[in-house]
Protein backbone atom coordinates (compact mmCIF):
# COMPACT_ATOMS: atom_id res chain seq x y z
CA MET A 1 154.26 53.44 156.21
CA ARG A 2 157.77 51.55 156.48
CA CYS A 3 158.94 50.09 159.97
CA PHE A 4 162.54 48.94 159.56
CA TYR A 5 163.51 45.55 162.07
CA SER A 6 165.55 42.65 162.53
CA GLU A 7 165.71 39.42 164.44
CA LYS A 8 169.42 40.48 164.74
CA LEU A 9 168.50 43.11 167.24
CA GLU A 10 167.68 41.12 170.22
CA LEU A 11 170.98 39.98 171.73
CA GLU A 12 170.77 37.48 174.42
CA LEU A 13 172.32 39.25 177.64
CA PRO A 14 173.47 37.54 180.91
CA SER A 15 170.61 37.09 183.46
CA GLY A 16 169.21 39.69 185.33
CA HIS A 17 170.68 42.38 182.89
CA PRO A 18 168.86 45.86 183.17
CA PHE A 19 168.79 46.38 179.30
CA PRO A 20 165.34 45.23 177.95
CA MET A 21 166.91 43.40 174.79
CA GLU A 22 163.56 41.71 174.30
CA LYS A 23 161.41 44.80 173.73
CA PHE A 24 162.37 45.30 170.59
CA ARG A 25 160.80 41.54 169.70
CA VAL A 26 157.68 42.19 171.58
CA SER A 27 156.78 45.80 170.44
CA LYS A 28 157.11 44.72 167.01
CA ASP A 29 154.61 41.41 168.10
CA MET A 30 152.22 44.03 169.53
CA LEU A 31 152.32 46.48 166.43
CA LEU A 32 151.48 43.33 164.06
CA GLU A 33 149.18 41.65 166.16
CA SER A 34 146.84 44.76 167.11
CA GLY A 35 146.65 44.94 163.26
CA ILE A 36 148.73 48.10 163.65
CA LEU A 37 151.31 47.25 161.41
CA ARG A 38 150.82 44.55 158.12
CA PRO A 39 153.55 42.44 157.71
CA GLU A 40 154.52 43.84 154.74
CA GLU A 41 155.21 47.35 156.56
CA ILE A 42 157.86 45.70 158.84
CA VAL A 43 160.91 45.70 156.24
CA GLU A 44 164.35 43.50 157.22
CA VAL A 45 167.48 45.26 157.37
CA ARG A 46 171.06 43.68 156.97
CA ALA A 47 174.03 45.38 158.90
CA ALA A 48 175.32 48.79 158.01
CA ASP A 49 178.33 48.65 155.52
CA ASN A 50 181.66 49.26 157.21
CA HIS A 51 182.40 52.55 155.23
CA LEU A 52 179.39 53.80 156.99
CA LEU A 53 180.38 53.31 160.77
CA GLN A 54 183.77 54.96 160.29
CA ARG A 55 181.91 58.55 159.17
CA VAL A 56 181.19 58.80 162.45
CA HIS A 57 183.27 56.27 164.49
CA GLU A 58 187.18 55.67 164.76
CA ARG A 59 188.47 52.51 163.04
CA ASP A 60 190.13 50.81 165.99
CA TYR A 61 186.95 51.30 167.90
CA ILE A 62 184.80 49.83 165.17
CA ARG A 63 187.70 47.09 164.89
CA ASN A 64 187.64 46.50 168.59
CA ILE A 65 183.59 46.03 168.95
CA GLU A 66 183.90 43.90 165.62
CA SER A 67 186.29 41.65 167.22
CA GLY A 68 185.06 41.13 171.00
CA LEU A 69 188.32 42.97 171.96
CA LEU A 70 187.43 46.08 173.95
CA GLY A 71 189.11 46.81 177.26
CA ARG A 72 187.25 45.97 180.42
CA LYS A 73 187.30 49.59 181.30
CA GLU A 74 185.66 50.38 178.39
CA GLU A 75 183.03 47.47 178.28
CA ILE A 76 181.88 48.83 181.81
CA LEU A 77 181.62 52.37 180.60
CA LEU A 78 179.53 50.89 177.83
CA GLY A 79 177.40 48.66 179.84
CA LEU A 80 177.16 45.73 177.66
CA PRO A 81 178.81 42.46 176.92
CA VAL A 82 181.29 42.69 173.80
CA THR A 83 180.93 39.86 171.48
CA PRO A 84 181.05 39.75 167.78
CA GLN A 85 177.16 39.37 167.94
CA LEU A 86 176.97 42.83 169.70
CA TYR A 87 178.64 44.35 166.28
CA GLN A 88 176.39 42.69 164.22
CA ARG A 89 173.52 43.83 166.38
CA SER A 90 174.55 47.55 167.01
CA ALA A 91 175.53 47.67 162.87
CA THR A 92 172.08 46.46 162.13
CA GLU A 93 170.40 49.44 164.37
CA VAL A 94 172.55 51.88 162.63
CA GLU A 95 170.86 50.20 159.35
CA ALA A 96 167.49 50.35 160.67
CA THR A 97 168.13 54.00 161.38
CA ARG A 98 169.23 54.99 158.05
CA LEU A 99 166.42 53.45 155.90
CA ALA A 100 164.08 55.37 158.33
CA CYS A 101 165.34 58.29 157.51
CA HIS A 102 165.74 57.53 153.74
CA ALA A 103 162.17 56.51 153.81
CA ALA A 104 160.50 59.69 156.05
CA LEU A 105 162.01 62.21 153.08
CA ALA A 106 160.40 60.11 150.51
CA GLU A 107 157.10 59.18 152.20
CA GLY A 108 156.58 61.43 154.84
CA VAL A 109 157.11 59.51 157.96
CA GLY A 110 159.49 56.56 158.06
CA VAL A 111 160.23 54.23 161.42
CA CYS A 112 163.10 52.30 162.94
CA LEU A 113 161.74 49.87 165.61
CA ALA A 114 164.47 50.17 168.18
CA GLY A 115 167.47 53.30 167.48
CA GLY A 116 168.37 56.33 169.19
CA THR A 117 171.98 55.38 170.39
CA HIS A 118 172.93 59.07 171.73
CA HIS A 119 175.24 58.32 174.00
CA ALA A 120 178.03 56.83 171.36
CA PHE A 121 180.87 59.16 170.79
CA ARG A 122 183.47 58.56 167.90
CA GLU A 123 185.46 56.50 169.70
CA HIS A 124 183.70 54.84 172.81
CA GLY A 125 180.32 53.57 173.34
CA GLU A 126 178.22 54.81 176.86
CA GLY A 127 174.98 54.00 178.33
CA TYR A 128 174.24 50.76 176.36
CA CYS A 129 175.23 52.72 172.66
CA VAL A 130 177.28 51.45 170.85
CA PHE A 131 177.31 53.23 167.42
CA ASN A 132 175.61 56.62 167.14
CA ASP A 133 173.07 55.60 164.66
CA VAL A 134 171.48 58.97 164.34
CA ALA A 135 174.95 61.06 163.52
CA ILE A 136 175.60 58.10 161.19
CA ALA A 137 172.51 58.08 159.03
CA ILE A 138 173.12 62.45 159.41
CA ARG A 139 176.32 61.86 157.58
CA ASP A 140 175.04 59.48 154.88
CA LEU A 141 171.92 62.26 154.24
CA GLN A 142 174.72 64.85 153.71
CA ASP A 143 176.82 62.72 150.84
CA LYS A 144 173.81 62.72 148.96
CA GLN A 145 172.11 66.21 149.68
CA PRO A 146 174.71 68.50 151.11
CA ASN A 147 173.00 71.11 152.29
CA ILE A 148 170.17 69.12 154.10
CA LYS A 149 168.60 71.10 157.10
CA ILE A 150 168.38 67.96 160.05
CA MET A 151 166.91 68.11 163.66
CA VAL A 152 167.79 65.94 166.16
CA VAL A 153 164.58 66.14 168.72
CA ASP A 154 165.47 63.85 172.02
CA THR A 155 162.36 63.56 174.41
CA ASP A 156 164.56 60.16 176.08
CA ALA A 157 165.06 61.15 179.95
CA HIS A 158 168.87 61.50 179.31
CA GLN A 159 170.91 64.00 177.42
CA GLY A 160 172.14 62.70 173.85
CA ASN A 161 175.92 63.48 175.05
CA GLY A 162 177.30 61.91 172.39
CA THR A 163 175.07 62.85 169.47
CA ALA A 164 175.63 66.67 170.17
CA ALA A 165 179.58 66.04 170.41
CA LEU A 166 179.14 64.15 167.17
CA LEU A 167 177.07 66.82 165.64
CA ALA A 168 178.66 70.13 167.08
CA GLY A 169 179.48 73.11 165.15
CA ASP A 170 177.81 72.09 162.05
CA PRO A 171 174.99 74.68 160.84
CA ARG A 172 172.93 72.15 159.08
CA VAL A 173 171.95 70.57 162.39
CA PHE A 174 170.05 71.42 165.59
CA THR A 175 170.43 69.02 168.18
CA TYR A 176 167.45 69.62 170.72
CA SER A 177 166.71 67.74 174.07
CA ILE A 178 164.83 67.84 177.00
CA HIS A 179 165.90 65.47 180.13
CA VAL A 180 166.54 65.19 183.31
CA GLY A 181 169.18 68.37 184.64
CA ARG A 182 170.81 66.16 187.54
CA ASN A 183 170.87 62.53 186.27
CA ASP A 184 172.56 60.37 183.69
CA PRO A 185 175.39 61.09 181.69
CA THR A 186 176.64 63.21 184.82
CA LYS A 187 178.94 64.97 182.21
CA LYS A 188 176.52 66.59 179.49
CA VAL A 189 177.47 68.05 176.19
CA LEU A 190 176.18 70.98 175.05
CA GLY A 191 173.81 70.76 172.02
CA SER A 192 171.88 73.55 170.00
CA LEU A 193 169.37 73.45 172.45
CA ASP A 194 169.24 71.61 176.11
CA ILE A 195 166.52 71.68 177.94
CA GLU A 196 166.74 70.68 181.59
CA THR A 197 163.62 69.65 183.56
CA VAL A 198 163.89 68.76 187.86
CA ARG A 199 163.59 65.37 189.00
CA TYR A 200 160.30 63.72 188.91
CA VAL A 201 159.21 66.38 186.55
CA GLU A 202 155.47 65.35 186.38
CA GLY A 203 153.28 65.69 183.08
CA GLU A 204 151.85 69.07 182.93
CA MET A 205 155.20 71.13 183.52
CA TYR A 206 157.25 68.87 181.10
CA LEU A 207 154.46 68.98 178.68
CA LYS A 208 154.83 73.19 178.96
CA GLN A 209 158.53 72.95 178.81
CA LEU A 210 158.65 70.64 175.70
CA PHE A 211 155.94 72.20 173.46
CA SER A 212 156.80 75.75 174.11
CA SER A 213 160.73 75.22 173.53
CA LEU A 214 160.36 72.88 170.66
CA ALA A 215 158.14 75.25 168.88
CA GLY A 216 160.62 77.80 168.76
CA ALA A 217 163.20 75.87 167.81
CA LEU A 218 160.88 74.45 164.67
CA ASP A 219 160.44 78.19 163.79
CA ALA A 220 164.08 79.17 163.85
CA PHE A 221 165.45 76.40 162.13
CA ALA A 222 162.93 74.94 159.74
CA PRO A 223 164.06 71.62 159.05
CA ASP A 224 163.97 69.48 156.09
CA LEU A 225 163.73 66.37 158.37
CA VAL A 226 163.28 65.36 162.05
CA ILE A 227 164.80 62.29 163.68
CA TRP A 228 162.48 62.05 166.70
CA ILE A 229 164.11 59.56 169.44
CA SER A 230 160.76 59.43 171.42
CA GLY A 231 162.38 57.43 174.42
CA ALA A 232 160.27 55.67 176.68
CA ASP A 233 161.62 55.95 180.04
CA SER A 234 159.85 59.12 180.89
CA HIS A 235 156.98 57.01 182.34
CA ARG A 236 157.11 57.85 186.17
CA ASN A 237 157.66 53.52 186.73
CA ASP A 238 161.02 53.66 184.64
CA ARG A 239 163.91 52.41 186.76
CA PHE A 240 166.49 54.93 185.29
CA GLY A 241 164.71 58.04 183.76
CA GLN A 242 163.73 59.71 187.09
CA MET A 243 160.83 61.43 185.41
CA TYR A 244 156.60 61.18 186.41
CA LEU A 245 155.07 61.01 183.40
CA SER A 246 152.05 59.11 182.95
CA LEU A 247 150.93 56.90 180.31
CA LYS A 248 148.41 59.68 179.15
CA ASP A 249 151.01 62.05 179.33
CA ILE A 250 153.28 60.14 177.55
CA GLN A 251 150.20 59.55 174.67
CA ARG A 252 150.21 63.90 175.14
CA ARG A 253 153.43 64.17 173.60
CA ASP A 254 153.20 61.85 171.07
CA GLU A 255 150.19 63.03 169.38
CA VAL A 256 151.32 67.16 169.49
CA LEU A 257 154.91 66.37 168.37
CA LEU A 258 153.74 63.94 165.92
CA GLY A 259 150.95 65.93 164.71
CA ALA A 260 153.36 69.28 164.46
CA PHE A 261 155.58 67.54 162.32
CA ILE A 262 152.86 65.05 160.02
CA ARG A 263 150.88 68.50 159.61
CA ASN A 264 153.18 71.38 158.64
CA ARG A 265 154.73 68.58 156.39
CA ILE A 266 157.90 68.26 158.16
CA PRO A 267 159.41 64.61 157.45
CA VAL A 268 160.24 62.41 160.45
CA ALA A 269 161.78 59.20 161.11
CA VAL A 270 160.86 58.26 164.41
CA LEU A 271 163.26 55.78 166.96
CA TYR A 272 162.78 53.85 170.08
CA GLY A 273 165.03 55.19 172.48
CA GLY A 274 165.49 54.19 176.07
CA GLY A 275 163.15 52.56 178.57
CA TYR A 276 163.77 50.59 181.47
CA ASN A 277 159.89 49.96 183.29
CA ARG A 278 159.78 47.69 186.42
CA GLN A 279 157.12 46.22 184.34
CA PRO A 280 159.46 45.32 181.13
CA GLU A 281 156.38 44.32 179.10
CA PHE A 282 155.44 47.81 179.93
CA THR A 283 158.58 49.58 177.89
CA ALA A 284 157.59 47.83 174.61
CA LYS A 285 153.89 49.04 175.15
CA LEU A 286 155.34 52.21 175.31
CA HIS A 287 156.75 51.77 172.19
CA ARG A 288 154.09 50.44 170.39
CA ASN A 289 151.75 53.23 171.61
CA THR A 290 154.29 55.81 170.04
CA ILE A 291 154.36 53.69 166.69
CA ALA A 292 150.74 53.64 166.93
CA THR A 293 150.43 57.34 167.19
CA ALA A 294 152.55 57.61 163.98
CA LYS A 295 150.78 54.95 162.16
CA LYS A 296 147.69 56.81 162.69
CA LEU A 297 148.40 60.46 162.40
CA ALA A 298 149.88 59.27 158.81
CA THR A 299 147.33 57.68 157.54
CA GLU A 300 144.97 60.63 158.68
CA PHE A 301 146.90 63.61 157.38
CA ARG A 302 149.35 62.22 154.52
CA GLY A 303 146.61 58.77 153.32
CA LEU A 304 150.11 56.46 153.96
């Protein structure tokens, strides 16, 4: 099972910044130290080519990120300091997601040890999301396979408004999101199927909503590829997710979803999504657990 990563994914942020930038490195180290992944299963990636970004984002926006000249209001909306290093980091994350999708189609499961930047729009970024890695990966796949059917399954606690906007009206793409209804982003963009939960939803109710609604969507759409933004912000100790799932609930989510994809031979690309646990290393642990489940099930059912 190939996992795509780069040291450039970790960017130095001002002290006290709420985004846990270290989670990518820490979760990768956890996966290696526990023996879940072998070093040769982690593929170092470079930044995506600029022409790939331009398939989804406006040139002026890309240029402003690259030069570090984004306006102050736009930078506040983005939530990250805009520097040339941010461009490299974000373009590298795009490439990791793109390659994970290609690996999933070739081998059944592919992993980006980051990704899921679902709040990025064509001309601006929001909520720590600079470039929309999912939309860019989908346009790249469609360039090579025009009729491929792709489902985005988003179980991050926040709705993927940017992804829904960028992929709207494309019958080859189905965007599924389950998220807290009264939470950021305050302005949602309707996707193919949006399941809204109450604030601080508990595990039993959440899992029932998730499993029943997603099963119907999978049957109706019959995707050739699933891109899963897993999300670690549904944990009850997360600062921003406003869900109340336990570690066991999230483990159950991972086992059922990945089991459904893999047993039914639906290629799946696994992405991290958000996570802002009050115990910073716990966010990395939740991501680590998701990848561990993917590796276990991939090995059992596909012999990868």
